[in-house]
Amino acid sequence: MADQENWISAVLGFGGMLATFVTAVATIFLWRVTKLLAKETTRMAEASDQPHVVATLSPNRWSLRHFDLVVDNTGNATAYDIQIQFDPALQNGEARREDAKIPFECVSVLKPGQGLRSYLADVSILEGKAFEVTISWRRGSKDKPRETNVYTLDMADYAGASELGRDPVIGIARSLEGVQKSLSSLTGTKRLKVDLYTAIDRSEQKRRAARELRRMRRARIATQALQSQQGSESSDPRPTPQELR
């Protein structure tokens, strides 16, 4: 009987030790999984909250033969101290002075979704070229490291591009320009004079018209009375002093 009790005690003790060991292993495993999950969550949060600046050459809205330099922050965080380099270097077109500075080489700040656009050159200057674009920026103060994005921008992407019809906004703008020219030719000046009347001006105009109407009515009544008086005098049968003589 005593041996049986010792055997049961030994089994229970071994079971308790085994349960303690399993619990310790599970705790260690859970700690490692929790730590890995926290690290991955932090990495995803940092990855989803960062700027991403891209510089491209895009056809102008008014003409496919003319290109604009466009800089966009496509990320969801603000980019600071942006520096942009093109290799080979960009050249100004015929509509810009040759000594004019290439725009957007340095940009102080771009908010998420914000972009900058400026006319650059005719397609003849850019055609057949491939640029290596290097863009770097900071996510905050100068103490933070710079982030760099390097890619190739090939103008062959626009080869064979054409347009069907015109942008409705461009059509409206040109129509308004034609209307302005027509009005200028009629008035002889580029500026159109406009007289603005308020409700007070209209009320005063109505009062003046009413006074003028009453004056004309009184004048007509007076004229009719004078004519009636002259008619009665001419029909009087009494002899005049000349006739009595």
C-alpha atoms as a PDB file:
ATOM      1  CA  MET A   1       0.000   0.000   0.000  1.00  0.00           C
ATOM      2  CA  ALA A   2       2.840   2.351   0.868  1.00  0.00           C
ATOM      3  CA  ASP A   3       4.586   1.525  -2.423  1.00  0.00           C
ATOM      4  CA  GLN A   4       1.417   2.359  -4.339  1.00  0.00           C
ATOM      5  CA  GLU A   5       1.136   5.726  -2.638  1.00  0.00           C
ATOM      6  CA  ASN A   6       4.792   6.493  -3.404  1.00  0.00           C
ATOM      7  CA  TRP A   7       4.224   5.571  -7.063  1.00  0.00           C
ATOM      8  CA  ILE A   8       1.173   7.844  -7.300  1.00  0.00           C
ATOM      9  CA  SER A   9       3.097  10.697  -5.661  1.00  0.00           C
ATOM     10  CA  ALA A  10       5.973  10.193  -8.081  1.00  0.00           C
ATOM     11  CA  VAL A  11       3.580  10.262 -11.078  1.00  0.00           C
ATOM     12  CA  LEU A  12       1.861  13.396  -9.818  1.00  0.00           C
ATOM     13  CA  GLY A  13       5.215  15.097  -9.203  1.00  0.00           C
ATOM     14  CA  PHE A  14       6.439  14.192 -12.685  1.00  0.00           C
ATOM     15  CA  GLY A  15       3.164  15.451 -14.156  1.00  0.00           C
ATOM     16  CA  GLY A  16       3.519  18.751 -12.311  1.00  0.00           C
ATOM     17  CA  MET A  17       7.100  19.177 -13.509  1.00  0.00           C
ATOM     18  CA  LEU A  18       6.036  18.363 -17.084  1.00  0.00           C
ATOM     19  CA  ALA A  19       3.185  20.900 -16.916  1.00  0.00           C
ATOM     20  CA  THR A  20       5.566  23.531 -15.567  1.00  0.00           C
ATOM     21  CA  PHE A  21       8.023  22.840 -18.389  1.00  0.00           C
ATOM     22  CA  VAL A  22       5.301  23.037 -21.045  1.00  0.00           C
ATOM     23  CA  THR A  23       4.021  26.295 -19.573  1.00  0.00           C
ATOM     24  CA  ALA A  24       7.528  27.777 -19.586  1.00  0.00           C
ATOM     25  CA  VAL A  25       8.070  26.742 -23.215  1.00  0.00           C
ATOM     26  CA  ALA A  26       4.696  28.171 -24.219  1.00  0.00           C
ATOM     27  CA  THR A  27       5.474  31.413 -22.399  1.00  0.00           C
ATOM     28  CA  ILE A  28       8.818  31.747 -24.172  1.00  0.00           C
ATOM     29  CA  PHE A  29       7.191  30.997 -27.538  1.00  0.00           C
ATOM     30  CA  LEU A  30       4.408  33.525 -26.896  1.00  0.00           C
ATOM     31  CA  TRP A  31       6.995  36.161 -25.900  1.00  0.00           C
ATOM     32  CA  ARG A  32       8.949  35.612 -29.112  1.00  0.00           C
ATOM     33  CA  VAL A  33       5.788  35.781 -31.244  1.00  0.00           C
ATOM     34  CA  THR A  34       4.661  38.964 -29.468  1.00  0.00           C
ATOM     35  CA  LYS A  35       8.068  40.584 -29.961  1.00  0.00           C
ATOM     36  CA  LEU A  36       8.116  39.630 -33.642  1.00  0.00           C
ATOM     37  CA  LEU A  37       4.574  40.937 -34.127  1.00  0.00           C
ATOM     38  CA  ALA A  38       5.422  44.254 -32.444  1.00  0.00           C
ATOM     39  CA  LYS A  39       8.525  44.678 -34.612  1.00  0.00           C
ATOM     40  CA  GLU A  40       6.586  43.887 -37.782  1.00  0.00           C
ATOM     41  CA  THR A  41       3.813  46.297 -36.795  1.00  0.00           C
ATOM     42  CA  THR A  42       6.368  49.055 -36.240  1.00  0.00           C
ATOM     43  CA  ARG A  43       7.987  48.334 -39.598  1.00  0.00           C
ATOM     44  CA  MET A  44       4.651  48.431 -41.422  1.00  0.00           C
ATOM     45  CA  ALA A  45       3.720  51.700 -39.713  1.00  0.00           C
ATOM     46  CA  GLU A  46       7.028  53.268 -40.746  1.00  0.00           C
ATOM     47  CA  ALA A  47       6.689  51.918 -44.286  1.00  0.00           C
ATOM     48  CA  SER A  48       3.175  53.317 -44.660  1.00  0.00           C
ATOM     49  CA  ASP A  49       4.161  56.737 -43.317  1.00  0.00           C
ATOM     50  CA  GLN A  50       6.935  57.976 -45.585  1.00  0.00           C
ATOM     51  CA  PRO A  51       7.331  60.396 -48.504  1.00  0.00           C
ATOM     52  CA  HIS A  52       8.119  59.321 -52.052  1.00  0.00           C
ATOM     53  CA  VAL A  53       9.194  62.034 -54.490  1.00  0.00           C
ATOM     54  CA  VAL A  54       9.123  61.486 -58.270  1.00  0.00           C
ATOM     55  CA  ALA A  55      10.250  63.833 -61.067  1.00  0.00           C
ATOM     56  CA  THR A  56       8.860  63.263 -64.580  1.00  0.00           C
ATOM     57  CA  LEU A  57       8.608  65.006 -67.953  1.00  0.00           C
ATOM     58  CA  SER A  58       4.964  65.273 -68.967  1.00  0.00           C
ATOM     59  CA  PRO A  59       3.332  66.708 -72.152  1.00  0.00           C
ATOM     60  CA  ASN A  60       1.872  70.174 -71.706  1.00  0.00           C
ATOM     61  CA  ARG A  61      -1.925  70.461 -71.691  1.00  0.00           C
ATOM     62  CA  TRP A  62      -1.822  72.934 -74.583  1.00  0.00           C
ATOM     63  CA  SER A  63       0.470  70.944 -76.884  1.00  0.00           C
ATOM     64  CA  LEU A  64       1.920  67.424 -77.048  1.00  0.00           C
ATOM     65  CA  ARG A  65       5.112  68.823 -78.569  1.00  0.00           C
ATOM     66  CA  HIS A  66       5.969  70.738 -75.420  1.00  0.00           C
ATOM     67  CA  PHE A  67       6.941  69.151 -72.120  1.00  0.00           C
ATOM     68  CA  ASP A  68       6.654  70.237 -68.502  1.00  0.00           C
ATOM     69  CA  LEU A  69       8.910  69.240 -65.638  1.00  0.00           C
ATOM     70  CA  VAL A  70       6.670  67.768 -62.930  1.00  0.00           C
ATOM     71  CA  VAL A  71       7.694  66.956 -59.353  1.00  0.00           C
ATOM     72  CA  ASP A  72       5.180  65.056 -57.188  1.00  0.00           C
ATOM     73  CA  ASN A  73       5.203  63.694 -53.654  1.00  0.00           C
ATOM     74  CA  THR A  74       3.290  60.439 -54.148  1.00  0.00           C
ATOM     75  CA  GLY A  75       3.850  59.281 -50.567  1.00  0.00           C
ATOM     76  CA  ASN A  76       1.742  59.973 -47.483  1.00  0.00           C
ATOM     77  CA  ALA A  77       4.270  61.990 -45.471  1.00  0.00           C
ATOM     78  CA  THR A  78       5.910  65.377 -45.972  1.00  0.00           C
ATOM     79  CA  ALA A  79       9.282  65.478 -47.744  1.00  0.00           C
ATOM     80  CA  TYR A  80      11.886  68.137 -46.845  1.00  0.00           C
ATOM     81  CA  ASP A  81      15.088  69.444 -48.441  1.00  0.00           C
ATOM     82  CA  ILE A  82      14.453  67.775 -51.817  1.00  0.00           C
ATOM     83  CA  GLN A  83      17.307  67.659 -54.337  1.00  0.00           C
ATOM     84  CA  ILE A  84      16.808  66.519 -57.951  1.00  0.00           C
ATOM     85  CA  GLN A  85      19.500  65.688 -60.525  1.00  0.00           C
ATOM     86  CA  PHE A  86      19.137  64.642 -64.181  1.00  0.00           C
ATOM     87  CA  ASP A  87      21.929  62.897 -66.079  1.00  0.00           C
ATOM     88  CA  PRO A  88      22.407  64.210 -68.761  1.00  0.00           C
ATOM     89  CA  ALA A  89      21.441  67.655 -67.499  1.00  0.00           C
ATOM     90  CA  LEU A  90      18.165  69.212 -68.664  1.00  0.00           C
ATOM     91  CA  GLN A  91      18.159  72.076 -71.188  1.00  0.00           C
ATOM     92  CA  ASN A  92      15.836  75.052 -71.494  1.00  0.00           C
ATOM     93  CA  GLY A  93      13.529  75.260 -74.487  1.00  0.00           C
ATOM     94  CA  GLU A  94      12.952  78.098 -76.947  1.00  0.00           C
ATOM     95  CA  ALA A  95      10.358  79.767 -74.707  1.00  0.00           C
ATOM     96  CA  ARG A  96      12.860  80.125 -71.836  1.00  0.00           C
ATOM     97  CA  ARG A  97      16.101  82.076 -71.665  1.00  0.00           C
ATOM     98  CA  GLU A  98      19.192  79.968 -72.224  1.00  0.00           C
ATOM     99  CA  ASP A  99      20.723  81.237 -68.978  1.00  0.00           C
ATOM    100  CA  ALA A 100      17.523  80.574 -66.980  1.00  0.00           C
ATOM    101  CA  LYS A 101      17.854  78.212 -64.035  1.00  0.00           C
ATOM    102  CA  ILE A 102      16.354  74.749 -64.455  1.00  0.00           C
ATOM    103  CA  PRO A 103      13.321  74.686 -62.138  1.00  0.00           C
ATOM    104  CA  PHE A 104      12.872  72.445 -59.092  1.00  0.00           C
ATOM    105  CA  GLU A 105      16.508  71.374 -58.698  1.00  0.00           C
ATOM    106  CA  CYS A 106      16.023  72.138 -55.005  1.00  0.00           C
ATOM    107  CA  VAL A 107      12.636  72.124 -53.279  1.00  0.00           C
ATOM    108  CA  SER A 108      12.329  72.985 -49.598  1.00  0.00           C
ATOM    109  CA  VAL A 109       9.129  71.071 -48.813  1.00  0.00           C
ATOM    110  CA  LEU A 110       6.389  69.027 -50.497  1.00  0.00           C
ATOM    111  CA  LYS A 111       3.270  67.917 -48.667  1.00  0.00           C
ATOM    112  CA  PRO A 112       1.655  64.527 -49.358  1.00  0.00           C
ATOM    113  CA  GLY A 113      -0.042  64.628 -52.744  1.00  0.00           C
ATOM    114  CA  GLN A 114       1.446  68.046 -53.578  1.00  0.00           C
ATOM    115  CA  GLY A 115       3.080  68.624 -56.963  1.00  0.00           C
ATOM    116  CA  LEU A 116       4.964  71.320 -58.858  1.00  0.00           C
ATOM    117  CA  ARG A 117       4.833  71.899 -62.639  1.00  0.00           C
ATOM    118  CA  SER A 118       6.795  74.176 -64.978  1.00  0.00           C
ATOM    119  CA  TYR A 119       7.246  74.357 -68.740  1.00  0.00           C
ATOM    120  CA  LEU A 120      10.694  73.118 -69.794  1.00  0.00           C
ATOM    121  CA  ALA A 121      11.331  72.520 -73.496  1.00  0.00           C
ATOM    122  CA  ASP A 122      10.135  71.468 -76.930  1.00  0.00           C
ATOM    123  CA  VAL A 123      10.135  67.770 -77.797  1.00  0.00           C
ATOM    124  CA  SER A 124      12.999  68.316 -80.276  1.00  0.00           C
ATOM    125  CA  ILE A 125      15.376  68.963 -77.363  1.00  0.00           C
ATOM    126  CA  LEU A 126      14.240  65.914 -75.363  1.00  0.00           C
ATOM    127  CA  GLU A 127      13.515  63.415 -78.124  1.00  0.00           C
ATOM    128  CA  GLY A 128      15.596  60.218 -78.048  1.00  0.00           C
ATOM    129  CA  LYS A 129      17.136  60.885 -74.640  1.00  0.00           C
ATOM    130  CA  ALA A 130      17.118  58.724 -71.526  1.00  0.00           C
ATOM    131  CA  PHE A 131      17.753  60.422 -68.191  1.00  0.00           C
ATOM    132  CA  GLU A 132      18.993  58.882 -64.973  1.00  0.00           C
ATOM    133  CA  VAL A 133      17.081  60.711 -62.260  1.00  0.00           C
ATOM    134  CA  THR A 134      18.462  60.899 -58.724  1.00  0.00           C
ATOM    135  CA  ILE A 135      16.143  62.324 -56.061  1.00  0.00           C
ATOM    136  CA  SER A 136      16.963  62.612 -52.369  1.00  0.00           C
ATOM    137  CA  TRP A 137      14.983  64.047 -49.458  1.00  0.00           C
ATOM    138  CA  ARG A 138      14.673  64.076 -45.694  1.00  0.00           C
ATOM    139  CA  ARG A 139      11.730  63.132 -43.537  1.00  0.00           C
ATOM    140  CA  GLY A 140      12.353  65.909 -41.039  1.00  0.00           C
ATOM    141  CA  SER A 141      15.246  67.869 -39.580  1.00  0.00           C
ATOM    142  CA  LYS A 142      18.811  67.812 -40.905  1.00  0.00           C
ATOM    143  CA  ASP A 143      19.721  65.289 -38.209  1.00  0.00           C
ATOM    144  CA  LYS A 144      17.724  62.594 -40.011  1.00  0.00           C
ATOM    145  CA  PRO A 145      19.412  60.672 -42.850  1.00  0.00           C
ATOM    146  CA  ARG A 146      18.615  61.418 -46.481  1.00  0.00           C
ATOM    147  CA  GLU A 147      16.555  58.953 -48.480  1.00  0.00           C
ATOM    148  CA  THR A 148      17.422  58.464 -52.164  1.00  0.00           C
ATOM    149  CA  ASN A 149      15.439  57.273 -55.168  1.00  0.00           C
ATOM    150  CA  VAL A 150      17.243  56.495 -58.468  1.00  0.00           C
ATOM    151  CA  TYR A 151      15.478  55.488 -61.704  1.00  0.00           C
ATOM    152  CA  THR A 152      15.622  55.899 -65.495  1.00  0.00           C
ATOM    153  CA  LEU A 153      13.279  58.238 -67.370  1.00  0.00           C
ATOM    154  CA  ASP A 154      13.217  57.309 -71.068  1.00  0.00           C
ATOM    155  CA  MET A 155      11.634  59.770 -73.535  1.00  0.00           C
ATOM    156  CA  ALA A 156      10.983  56.850 -75.887  1.00  0.00           C
ATOM    157  CA  ASP A 157       7.901  56.189 -73.739  1.00  0.00           C
ATOM    158  CA  TYR A 158       6.183  59.071 -75.558  1.00  0.00           C
ATOM    159  CA  ALA A 159       7.094  57.949 -79.094  1.00  0.00           C
ATOM    160  CA  GLY A 160       3.998  57.810 -81.304  1.00  0.00           C
ATOM    161  CA  ALA A 161       1.793  59.638 -78.794  1.00  0.00           C
ATOM    162  CA  SER A 162      -1.154  61.544 -80.282  1.00  0.00           C
ATOM    163  CA  GLU A 163      -4.353  63.193 -79.133  1.00  0.00           C
ATOM    164  CA  LEU A 164      -7.990  62.843 -80.200  1.00  0.00           C
ATOM    165  CA  GLY A 165      -9.854  66.098 -79.830  1.00  0.00           C
ATOM    166  CA  ARG A 166      -8.983  68.725 -77.262  1.00  0.00           C
ATOM    167  CA  ASP A 167      -9.321  69.131 -73.552  1.00  0.00           C
ATOM    168  CA  PRO A 168     -12.746  70.772 -72.894  1.00  0.00           C
ATOM    169  CA  VAL A 169     -11.118  73.225 -70.493  1.00  0.00           C
ATOM    170  CA  ILE A 170      -8.693  74.323 -73.216  1.00  0.00           C
ATOM    171  CA  GLY A 171     -11.604  74.738 -75.627  1.00  0.00           C
ATOM    172  CA  ILE A 172     -13.479  76.946 -73.160  1.00  0.00           C
ATOM    173  CA  ALA A 173     -10.394  79.075 -72.558  1.00  0.00           C
ATOM    174  CA  ARG A 174      -9.856  79.626 -76.288  1.00  0.00           C
ATOM    175  CA  SER A 175     -13.537  80.453 -76.812  1.00  0.00           C
ATOM    176  CA  LEU A 176     -13.387  83.086 -74.072  1.00  0.00           C
ATOM    177  CA  GLU A 177     -10.238  84.493 -75.639  1.00  0.00           C
ATOM    178  CA  GLY A 178     -12.083  84.830 -78.958  1.00  0.00           C
ATOM    179  CA  VAL A 179     -15.007  86.578 -77.249  1.00  0.00           C
ATOM    180  CA  GLN A 180     -12.600  89.015 -75.603  1.00  0.00           C
ATOM    181  CA  LYS A 181     -10.969  89.832 -78.949  1.00  0.00           C
ATOM    182  CA  SER A 182     -14.389  90.389 -80.549  1.00  0.00           C
ATOM    183  CA  LEU A 183     -15.486  92.751 -77.774  1.00  0.00           C
ATOM    184  CA  SER A 184     -12.172  94.595 -77.966  1.00  0.00           C
ATOM    185  CA  SER A 185     -12.646  95.197 -81.697  1.00  0.00           C
ATOM    186  CA  LEU A 186     -16.156  96.566 -81.068  1.00  0.00           C
ATOM    187  CA  THR A 187     -15.289  98.841 -78.164  1.00  0.00           C
ATOM    188  CA  GLY A 188     -11.866  99.876 -79.465  1.00  0.00           C
ATOM    189  CA  THR A 189     -10.231  98.988 -76.173  1.00  0.00           C
ATOM    190  CA  LYS A 190      -8.951  95.852 -74.514  1.00  0.00           C
ATOM    191  CA  ARG A 191     -10.856  96.682 -71.364  1.00  0.00           C
ATOM    192  CA  LEU A 192     -14.613  96.410 -71.093  1.00  0.00           C
ATOM    193  CA  LYS A 193     -16.290  99.093 -68.979  1.00  0.00           C
ATOM    194  CA  VAL A 194     -19.056  97.738 -66.797  1.00  0.00           C
ATOM    195  CA  ASP A 195     -21.549  99.885 -64.842  1.00  0.00           C
ATOM    196  CA  LEU A 196     -22.765  98.179 -61.721  1.00  0.00           C
ATOM    197  CA  TYR A 197     -26.213  99.063 -60.328  1.00  0.00           C
ATOM    198  CA  THR A 198     -27.354  98.129 -56.855  1.00  0.00           C
ATOM    199  CA  ALA A 199     -30.878  97.851 -55.459  1.00  0.00           C
ATOM    200  CA  ILE A 200     -30.565 101.384 -54.030  1.00  0.00           C
ATOM    201  CA  ASP A 201     -29.624 102.754 -57.467  1.00  0.00           C
ATOM    202  CA  ARG A 202     -32.644 101.063 -59.054  1.00  0.00           C
ATOM    203  CA  SER A 203     -34.993 102.479 -56.373  1.00  0.00           C
ATOM    204  CA  GLU A 204     -33.610 105.987 -56.918  1.00  0.00           C
ATOM    205  CA  GLN A 205     -34.042 105.596 -60.669  1.00  0.00           C
ATOM    206  CA  LYS A 206     -37.676 104.566 -60.177  1.00  0.00           C
ATOM    207  CA  ARG A 207     -38.309 107.626 -57.944  1.00  0.00           C
ATOM    208  CA  ARG A 208     -36.784 109.941 -60.528  1.00  0.00           C
ATOM    209  CA  ALA A 209     -38.917 108.413 -63.261  1.00  0.00           C
ATOM    210  CA  ALA A 210     -42.064 108.818 -61.121  1.00  0.00           C
ATOM    211  CA  ARG A 211     -41.243 112.513 -60.413  1.00  0.00           C
ATOM    212  CA  GLU A 212     -40.629 113.163 -64.104  1.00  0.00           C
ATOM    213  CA  LEU A 213     -43.943 111.483 -64.979  1.00  0.00           C
ATOM    214  CA  ARG A 214     -45.847 113.647 -62.456  1.00  0.00           C
ATOM    215  CA  ARG A 215     -44.166 116.794 -63.806  1.00  0.00           C
ATOM    216  CA  MET A 216     -45.128 115.917 -67.368  1.00  0.00           C
ATOM    217  CA  ARG A 217     -48.694 115.199 -66.254  1.00  0.00           C
ATOM    218  CA  ARG A 218     -49.012 118.570 -64.477  1.00  0.00           C
ATOM    219  CA  ALA A 219     -47.580 120.333 -67.525  1.00  0.00           C
ATOM    220  CA  ARG A 220     -50.094 118.604 -69.782  1.00  0.00           C
ATOM    221  CA  ILE A 221     -53.002 119.548 -67.486  1.00  0.00           C
ATOM    222  CA  ALA A 222     -51.831 123.156 -67.378  1.00  0.00           C
ATOM    223  CA  THR A 223     -51.542 123.247 -71.167  1.00  0.00           C
ATOM    224  CA  GLN A 224     -55.046 121.838 -71.559  1.00  0.00           C
ATOM    225  CA  ALA A 225     -56.458 124.389 -69.086  1.00  0.00           C
ATOM    226  CA  LEU A 226     -54.771 127.259 -70.960  1.00  0.00           C
ATOM    227  CA  GLN A 227     -56.106 126.047 -74.286  1.00  0.00           C
ATOM    228  CA  SER A 228     -59.603 125.709 -72.817  1.00  0.00           C
ATOM    229  CA  GLN A 229     -59.439 129.248 -71.448  1.00  0.00           C
ATOM    230  CA  GLN A 230     -58.303 130.694 -74.765  1.00  0.00           C
ATOM    231  CA  GLY A 231     -61.113 128.840 -76.542  1.00  0.00           C
ATOM    232  CA  SER A 232     -63.760 130.267 -74.199  1.00  0.00           C
ATOM    233  CA  GLU A 233     -62.471 133.806 -74.683  1.00  0.00           C
ATOM    234  CA  SER A 234     -62.589 133.526 -78.468  1.00  0.00           C
ATOM    235  CA  SER A 235     -66.258 132.403 -78.361  1.00  0.00           C
ATOM    236  CA  ASP A 236     -67.479 135.254 -76.030  1.00  0.00           C
ATOM    237  CA  PRO A 237     -70.398 137.132 -77.863  1.00  0.00           C
ATOM    238  CA  ARG A 238     -69.812 140.429 -76.067  1.00  0.00           C
ATOM    239  CA  PRO A 239     -68.340 143.200 -78.284  1.00  0.00           C
ATOM    240  CA  THR A 240     -64.803 144.204 -77.775  1.00  0.00           C
ATOM    241  CA  PRO A 241     -63.835 147.837 -76.964  1.00  0.00           C
ATOM    242  CA  GLN A 242     -62.683 148.323 -80.591  1.00  0.00           C
ATOM    243  CA  GLU A 243     -66.126 147.248 -81.859  1.00  0.00           C
ATOM    244  CA  LEU A 244     -67.890 149.742 -79.537  1.00  0.00           C
ATOM    245  CA  ARG A 245     -65.920 152.587 -81.035  1.00  0.00           C
END
